[in-house]
PDB file of N, CA and C in Angstrom:
ATOM      1  N   MET A   1     -33.699 -70.588  14.045  1.00  0.00           N
ATOM      2  CA  MET A   1     -35.299 -70.312  14.501  1.00  0.00           C
ATOM      3  C   MET A   1     -35.067 -70.197  16.028  1.00  0.00           C
ATOM      4  N   ASP A   2     -34.588 -71.017  16.887  1.00  0.00           N
ATOM      5  CA  ASP A   2     -35.212 -70.782  18.086  1.00  0.00           C
ATOM      6  C   ASP A   2     -34.495 -69.662  18.570  1.00  0.00           C
ATOM      7  N   LYS A   3     -33.367 -68.894  18.195  1.00  0.00           N
ATOM      8  CA  LYS A   3     -33.014 -67.617  18.219  1.00  0.00           C
ATOM      9  C   LYS A   3     -34.246 -66.846  18.039  1.00  0.00           C
ATOM     10  N   ALA A   4     -34.649 -66.849  16.967  1.00  0.00           N
ATOM     11  CA  ALA A   4     -35.936 -65.563  16.661  1.00  0.00           C
ATOM     12  C   ALA A   4     -37.005 -65.851  17.672  1.00  0.00           C
ATOM     13  N   ALA A   5     -37.473 -67.312  18.152  1.00  0.00           N
ATOM     14  CA  ALA A   5     -38.206 -67.259  19.112  1.00  0.00           C
ATOM     15  C   ALA A   5     -38.078 -66.714  20.344  1.00  0.00           C
ATOM     16  N   GLU A   6     -37.123 -66.713  20.435  1.00  0.00           N
ATOM     17  CA  GLU A   6     -36.342 -66.199  22.073  1.00  0.00           C
ATOM     18  C   GLU A   6     -36.327 -64.932  21.887  1.00  0.00           C
ATOM     19  N   GLU A   7     -36.133 -64.153  20.893  1.00  0.00           N
ATOM     20  CA  GLU A   7     -35.964 -62.855  20.741  1.00  0.00           C
ATOM     21  C   GLU A   7     -37.652 -62.256  20.575  1.00  0.00           C
ATOM     22  N   PHE A   8     -38.647 -62.881  19.991  1.00  0.00           N
ATOM     23  CA  PHE A   8     -39.933 -62.595  20.118  1.00  0.00           C
ATOM     24  C   PHE A   8     -40.504 -62.697  21.469  1.00  0.00           C
ATOM     25  N   ARG A   9     -40.269 -63.747  21.862  1.00  0.00           N
ATOM     26  CA  ARG A   9     -40.544 -64.176  23.373  1.00  0.00           C
ATOM     27  C   ARG A   9     -40.239 -62.505  24.382  1.00  0.00           C
ATOM     28  N   ALA A  10     -39.039 -62.270  23.983  1.00  0.00           N
ATOM     29  CA  ALA A  10     -38.171 -61.234  24.948  1.00  0.00           C
ATOM     30  C   ALA A  10     -39.105 -59.813  24.458  1.00  0.00           C
ATOM     31  N   ALA A  11     -39.058 -59.601  23.423  1.00  0.00           N
ATOM     32  CA  ALA A  11     -40.097 -58.441  23.047  1.00  0.00           C
ATOM     33  C   ALA A  11     -41.257 -58.320  23.279  1.00  0.00           C
ATOM     34  N   HIS A  12     -41.865 -59.749  23.249  1.00  0.00           N
ATOM     35  CA  HIS A  12     -43.625 -59.760  23.707  1.00  0.00           C
ATOM     36  C   HIS A  12     -43.580 -59.333  25.306  1.00  0.00           C
ATOM     37  N   SER A  13     -42.613 -60.197  26.414  1.00  0.00           N
ATOM     38  CA  SER A  13     -42.592 -59.802  27.312  1.00  0.00           C
ATOM     39  C   SER A  13     -42.306 -58.421  27.825  1.00  0.00           C
ATOM     40  N   GLU A  14     -41.482 -57.734  26.729  1.00  0.00           N
ATOM     41  CA  GLU A  14     -41.135 -56.238  27.469  1.00  0.00           C
ATOM     42  C   GLU A  14     -42.039 -55.500  27.092  1.00  0.00           C
ATOM     43  N   ARG A  15     -42.852 -55.930  26.060  1.00  0.00           N
ATOM     44  CA  ARG A  15     -44.292 -54.998  25.322  1.00  0.00           C
ATOM     45  C   ARG A  15     -45.206 -55.136  26.731  1.00  0.00           C
ATOM     46  N   GLN A  16     -45.519 -56.523  27.293  1.00  0.00           N
ATOM     47  CA  GLN A  16     -46.280 -56.668  28.240  1.00  0.00           C
ATOM     48  C   GLN A  16     -46.179 -55.724  29.562  1.00  0.00           C
ATOM     49  N   GLU A  17     -44.823 -56.117  30.209  1.00  0.00           N
ATOM     50  CA  GLU A  17     -44.325 -54.944  30.867  1.00  0.00           C
ATOM     51  C   GLU A  17     -44.601 -53.665  31.010  1.00  0.00           C
ATOM     52  N   LEU A  18     -44.392 -53.286  29.890  1.00  0.00           N
ATOM     53  CA  LEU A  18     -44.381 -51.686  29.379  1.00  0.00           C
ATOM     54  C   LEU A  18     -46.295 -51.503  29.800  1.00  0.00           C
ATOM     55  N   ILE A  19     -47.161 -52.200  28.895  1.00  0.00           N
ATOM     56  CA  ILE A  19     -48.640 -52.354  28.973  1.00  0.00           C
ATOM     57  C   ILE A  19     -48.509 -52.253  30.710  1.00  0.00           C
ATOM     58  N   ARG A  20     -48.385 -53.329  31.096  1.00  0.00           N
ATOM     59  CA  ARG A  20     -48.644 -53.144  32.797  1.00  0.00           C
ATOM     60  C   ARG A  20     -48.176 -51.899  33.479  1.00  0.00           C
ATOM     61  N   GLN A  21     -47.209 -51.362  32.963  1.00  0.00           N
ATOM     62  CA  GLN A  21     -46.774 -50.075  33.571  1.00  0.00           C
ATOM     63  C   GLN A  21     -47.668 -48.696  33.335  1.00  0.00           C
ATOM     64  N   TRP A  22     -47.915 -48.821  32.232  1.00  0.00           N
ATOM     65  CA  TRP A  22     -48.724 -47.972  31.568  1.00  0.00           C
ATOM     66  C   TRP A  22     -50.258 -48.029  32.182  1.00  0.00           C
ATOM     67  N   GLU A  23     -50.751 -49.018  32.333  1.00  0.00           N
ATOM     68  CA  GLU A  23     -51.837 -49.293  33.116  1.00  0.00           C
ATOM     69  C   GLU A  23     -52.190 -48.788  34.665  1.00  0.00           C
ATOM     70  N   HIS A  24     -51.201 -49.063  34.865  1.00  0.00           N
ATOM     71  CA  HIS A  24     -50.567 -48.890  36.490  1.00  0.00           C
ATOM     72  C   HIS A  24     -50.989 -47.525  37.188  1.00  0.00           C
ATOM     73  N   THR A  25     -49.853 -46.642  35.602  1.00  0.00           N
ATOM     74  CA  THR A  25     -50.139 -45.155  35.873  1.00  0.00           C
ATOM     75  C   THR A  25     -51.163 -44.516  35.573  1.00  0.00           C
ATOM     76  N   ILE A  26     -51.933 -45.022  34.693  1.00  0.00           N
ATOM     77  CA  ILE A  26     -53.194 -44.759  34.416  1.00  0.00           C
ATOM     78  C   ILE A  26     -54.267 -44.808  35.592  1.00  0.00           C
ATOM     79  N   GLU A  27     -54.021 -45.813  36.291  1.00  0.00           N
ATOM     80  CA  GLU A  27     -54.873 -46.157  37.562  1.00  0.00           C
ATOM     81  C   GLU A  27     -54.523 -45.448  38.601  1.00  0.00           C
ATOM     82  N   GLN A  28     -53.408 -44.877  38.607  1.00  0.00           N
ATOM     83  CA  GLN A  28     -52.862 -43.812  39.649  1.00  0.00           C
ATOM     84  C   GLN A  28     -53.481 -42.420  39.340  1.00  0.00           C
ATOM     85  N   MET A  29     -53.295 -41.844  38.190  1.00  0.00           N
ATOM     86  CA  MET A  29     -53.856 -40.596  37.601  1.00  0.00           C
ATOM     87  C   MET A  29     -55.491 -40.424  38.107  1.00  0.00           C
ATOM     88  N   GLN A  30     -55.964 -41.836  37.364  1.00  0.00           N
ATOM     89  CA  GLN A  30     -57.667 -41.730  37.770  1.00  0.00           C
ATOM     90  C   GLN A  30     -57.723 -41.742  39.780  1.00  0.00           C
ATOM     91  N   ARG A  31     -57.098 -42.279  40.180  1.00  0.00           N
ATOM     92  CA  ARG A  31     -57.161 -42.272  41.460  1.00  0.00           C
ATOM     93  C   ARG A  31     -57.056 -40.882  42.066  1.00  0.00           C
ATOM     94  N   ARG A  32     -55.800 -40.374  41.600  1.00  0.00           N
ATOM     95  CA  ARG A  32     -55.532 -38.539  42.089  1.00  0.00           C
ATOM     96  C   ARG A  32     -56.795 -37.932  41.294  1.00  0.00           C
ATOM     97  N   ASP A  33     -57.291 -37.824  40.343  1.00  0.00           N
ATOM     98  CA  ASP A  33     -58.253 -37.316  39.990  1.00  0.00           C
ATOM     99  C   ASP A  33     -59.462 -37.328  40.618  1.00  0.00           C
ATOM    100  N   ARG A  34     -60.043 -38.485  41.363  1.00  0.00           N
ATOM    101  CA  ARG A  34     -60.896 -38.762  41.957  1.00  0.00           C
ATOM    102  C   ARG A  34     -60.718 -38.044  43.694  1.00  0.00           C
ATOM    103  N   GLU A  35     -59.490 -38.104  44.050  1.00  0.00           N
ATOM    104  CA  GLU A  35     -59.177 -37.678  45.162  1.00  0.00           C
ATOM    105  C   GLU A  35     -58.984 -35.599  44.976  1.00  0.00           C
ATOM    106  N   MET A  36     -58.682 -35.242  43.847  1.00  0.00           N
ATOM    107  CA  MET A  36     -58.754 -33.871  43.841  1.00  0.00           C
ATOM    108  C   MET A  36     -60.410 -33.482  43.577  1.00  0.00           C
ATOM    109  N   GLU A  37     -61.096 -34.483  42.766  1.00  0.00           N
ATOM    110  CA  GLU A  37     -62.589 -34.047  42.923  1.00  0.00           C
ATOM    111  C   GLU A  37     -62.932 -33.858  44.063  1.00  0.00           C
ATOM    112  N   MET A  38     -62.914 -34.925  45.310  1.00  0.00           N
ATOM    113  CA  MET A  38     -63.357 -34.942  46.439  1.00  0.00           C
ATOM    114  C   MET A  38     -62.765 -33.691  47.058  1.00  0.00           C
ATOM    115  N   LEU A  39     -61.500 -33.275  47.175  1.00  0.00           N
ATOM    116  CA  LEU A  39     -61.133 -32.126  48.067  1.00  0.00           C
ATOM    117  C   LEU A  39     -61.744 -31.061  47.182  1.00  0.00           C
ATOM    118  N   ALA A  40     -61.967 -30.910  45.895  1.00  0.00           N
ATOM    119  CA  ALA A  40     -62.865 -29.797  45.502  1.00  0.00           C
ATOM    120  C   ALA A  40     -63.925 -29.431  46.178  1.00  0.00           C
ATOM    121  N   ASN A  41     -64.741 -30.566  46.366  1.00  0.00           N
ATOM    122  CA  ASN A  41     -65.996 -30.606  46.570  1.00  0.00           C
ATOM    123  C   ASN A  41     -66.097 -30.304  48.416  1.00  0.00           C
ATOM    124  N   VAL A  42     -64.961 -30.580  49.056  1.00  0.00           N
ATOM    125  CA  VAL A  42     -65.090 -30.625  50.354  1.00  0.00           C
ATOM    126  C   VAL A  42     -64.998 -29.092  50.404  1.00  0.00           C
ATOM    127  N   CYS A  43     -63.869 -28.099  49.654  1.00  0.00           N
ATOM    128  CA  CYS A  43     -63.155 -26.854  49.734  1.00  0.00           C
ATOM    129  C   CYS A  43     -64.891 -26.175  49.348  1.00  0.00           C
ATOM    130  N   ILE A  44     -65.808 -26.701  48.273  1.00  0.00           N
ATOM    131  CA  ILE A  44     -66.589 -25.686  48.030  1.00  0.00           C
ATOM    132  C   ILE A  44     -67.701 -25.910  49.040  1.00  0.00           C
ATOM    133  N   VAL A  45     -68.003 -26.675  49.804  1.00  0.00           N
ATOM    134  CA  VAL A  45     -68.868 -27.026  51.143  1.00  0.00           C
ATOM    135  C   VAL A  45     -68.483 -25.937  51.855  1.00  0.00           C
ATOM    136  N   TYR A  46     -66.896 -25.978  52.352  1.00  0.00           N
ATOM    137  CA  TYR A  46     -66.494 -25.160  53.052  1.00  0.00           C
ATOM    138  C   TYR A  46     -66.532 -23.839  52.852  1.00  0.00           C
ATOM    139  N   ILE A  47     -66.452 -23.223  51.885  1.00  0.00           N
ATOM    140  CA  ILE A  47     -66.445 -21.665  51.494  1.00  0.00           C
ATOM    141  C   ILE A  47     -67.844 -21.550  51.591  1.00  0.00           C
ATOM    142  N   THR A  48     -68.957 -22.367  51.123  1.00  0.00           N
ATOM    143  CA  THR A  48     -70.397 -22.130  51.033  1.00  0.00           C
ATOM    144  C   THR A  48     -70.648 -21.869  52.634  1.00  0.00           C
ATOM    145  N   SER A  49     -70.194 -22.935  53.406  1.00  0.00           N
ATOM    146  CA  SER A  49     -70.937 -22.929  54.562  1.00  0.00           C
ATOM    147  C   SER A  49     -70.345 -21.808  55.466  1.00  0.00           C
ATOM    148  N   PHE A  50     -69.217 -21.139  55.239  1.00  0.00           N
ATOM    149  CA  PHE A  50     -68.580 -19.914  55.732  1.00  0.00           C
ATOM    150  C   PHE A  50     -69.132 -18.910  55.257  1.00  0.00           C
ATOM    151  N   GLY A  51     -69.360 -18.622  54.012  1.00  0.00           N
ATOM    152  CA  GLY A  51     -70.112 -17.775  53.306  1.00  0.00           C
ATOM    153  C   GLY A  51     -71.475 -17.613  54.155  1.00  0.00           C
ATOM    154  N   LEU A  52     -71.933 -18.862  54.260  1.00  0.00           N
ATOM    155  CA  LEU A  52     -73.445 -18.603  54.894  1.00  0.00           C
ATOM    156  C   LEU A  52     -73.452 -18.019  56.335  1.00  0.00           C
ATOM    157  N   ILE A  53     -72.377 -18.761  56.666  1.00  0.00           N
ATOM    158  CA  ILE A  53     -72.184 -18.010  58.386  1.00  0.00           C
ATOM    159  C   ILE A  53     -71.948 -16.541  58.216  1.00  0.00           C
ATOM    160  N   ARG A  54     -70.938 -15.996  57.475  1.00  0.00           N
ATOM    161  CA  ARG A  54     -70.933 -14.736  57.352  1.00  0.00           C
ATOM    162  C   ARG A  54     -72.353 -13.759  57.011  1.00  0.00           C
ATOM    163  N   LEU A  55     -73.048 -14.708  56.206  1.00  0.00           N
ATOM    164  CA  LEU A  55     -74.152 -13.743  55.556  1.00  0.00           C
ATOM    165  C   LEU A  55     -75.185 -13.799  57.140  1.00  0.00           C
ATOM    166  N   THR A  56     -75.230 -14.828  57.406  1.00  0.00           N
ATOM    167  CA  THR A  56     -76.229 -14.962  59.050  1.00  0.00           C
ATOM    168  C   THR A  56     -75.872 -13.914  59.847  1.00  0.00           C
ATOM    169  N   GLN A  57     -74.599 -13.967  60.111  1.00  0.00           N
ATOM    170  CA  GLN A  57     -73.661 -12.678  60.789  1.00  0.00           C
ATOM    171  C   GLN A  57     -74.111 -11.499  60.677  1.00  0.00           C
ATOM    172  N   SER A  58     -73.863 -11.022  59.293  1.00  0.00           N
ATOM    173  CA  SER A  58     -74.380  -9.671  58.662  1.00  0.00           C
ATOM    174  C   SER A  58     -75.972  -9.293  59.073  1.00  0.00           C
ATOM    175  N   MET A  59     -76.750 -10.184  58.685  1.00  0.00           N
ATOM    176  CA  MET A  59     -77.988 -10.070  58.869  1.00  0.00           C
ATOM    177  C   MET A  59     -78.239 -10.098  60.445  1.00  0.00           C
ATOM    178  N   LEU A  60     -77.896 -10.934  61.309  1.00  0.00           N
ATOM    179  CA  LEU A  60     -78.238 -10.551  62.768  1.00  0.00           C
ATOM    180  C   LEU A  60     -77.555  -9.247  63.073  1.00  0.00           C
ATOM    181  N   LEU A  61     -76.583  -8.886  62.545  1.00  0.00           N
ATOM    182  CA  LEU A  61     -75.739  -7.309  63.133  1.00  0.00           C
ATOM    183  C   LEU A  61     -76.780  -6.475  62.128  1.00  0.00           C
ATOM    184  N   TYR A  62     -77.145  -6.591  61.352  1.00  0.00           N
ATOM    185  CA  TYR A  62     -78.321  -5.597  60.740  1.00  0.00           C
ATOM    186  C   TYR A  62     -79.621  -5.574  61.583  1.00  0.00           C
ATOM    187  N   MET A  63     -80.312  -6.673  61.877  1.00  0.00           N
ATOM    188  CA  MET A  63     -81.132  -6.670  62.750  1.00  0.00           C
ATOM    189  C   MET A  63     -81.016  -6.103  64.091  1.00  0.00           C
ATOM    190  N   ASP A  64     -80.041  -6.434  64.970  1.00  0.00           N
ATOM    191  CA  ASP A  64     -79.976  -5.836  65.955  1.00  0.00           C
ATOM    192  C   ASP A  64     -79.815  -4.164  65.873  1.00  0.00           C
ATOM    193  N   ILE A  65     -78.896  -3.648  64.707  1.00  0.00           N
ATOM    194  CA  ILE A  65     -78.742  -2.550  64.673  1.00  0.00           C
ATOM    195  C   ILE A  65     -80.278  -1.874  64.194  1.00  0.00           C
ATOM    196  N   CYS A  66     -80.973  -2.450  63.594  1.00  0.00           N
ATOM    197  CA  CYS A  66     -82.414  -1.895  62.956  1.00  0.00           C
ATOM    198  C   CYS A  66     -83.339  -1.705  64.564  1.00  0.00           C
ATOM    199  N   LYS A  67     -83.325  -2.593  65.400  1.00  0.00           N
ATOM    200  CA  LYS A  67     -84.140  -2.571  66.295  1.00  0.00           C
ATOM    201  C   LYS A  67     -83.822  -1.248  66.936  1.00  0.00           C
ATOM    202  N   TRP A  68     -83.071  -0.795  66.632  1.00  0.00           N
ATOM    203  CA  TRP A  68     -82.697   0.822  67.577  1.00  0.00           C
ATOM    204  C   TRP A  68     -83.452   1.921  66.851  1.00  0.00           C
ATOM    205  N   PHE A  69     -83.989   1.683  66.046  1.00  0.00           N
ATOM    206  CA  PHE A  69     -84.627   2.767  65.351  1.00  0.00           C
ATOM    207  C   PHE A  69     -86.058   2.353  65.447  1.00  0.00           C
TER     208      PHE A  69
END
């Protein structure tokens, strides 16, 4: 009976360690997902800002050309 109890405790301990590892893995994945989402938002802001700058430059150039007519 003692041997069965020891084996049960060992198996339970192994399962607990496996669960702990899975939880850690899930936490890491969630953190990386948040980091990638933040980076995507930064890229969107950068691309949008760059596009607005280019649009403004084009409009100013057009206005400059139009004043000659």
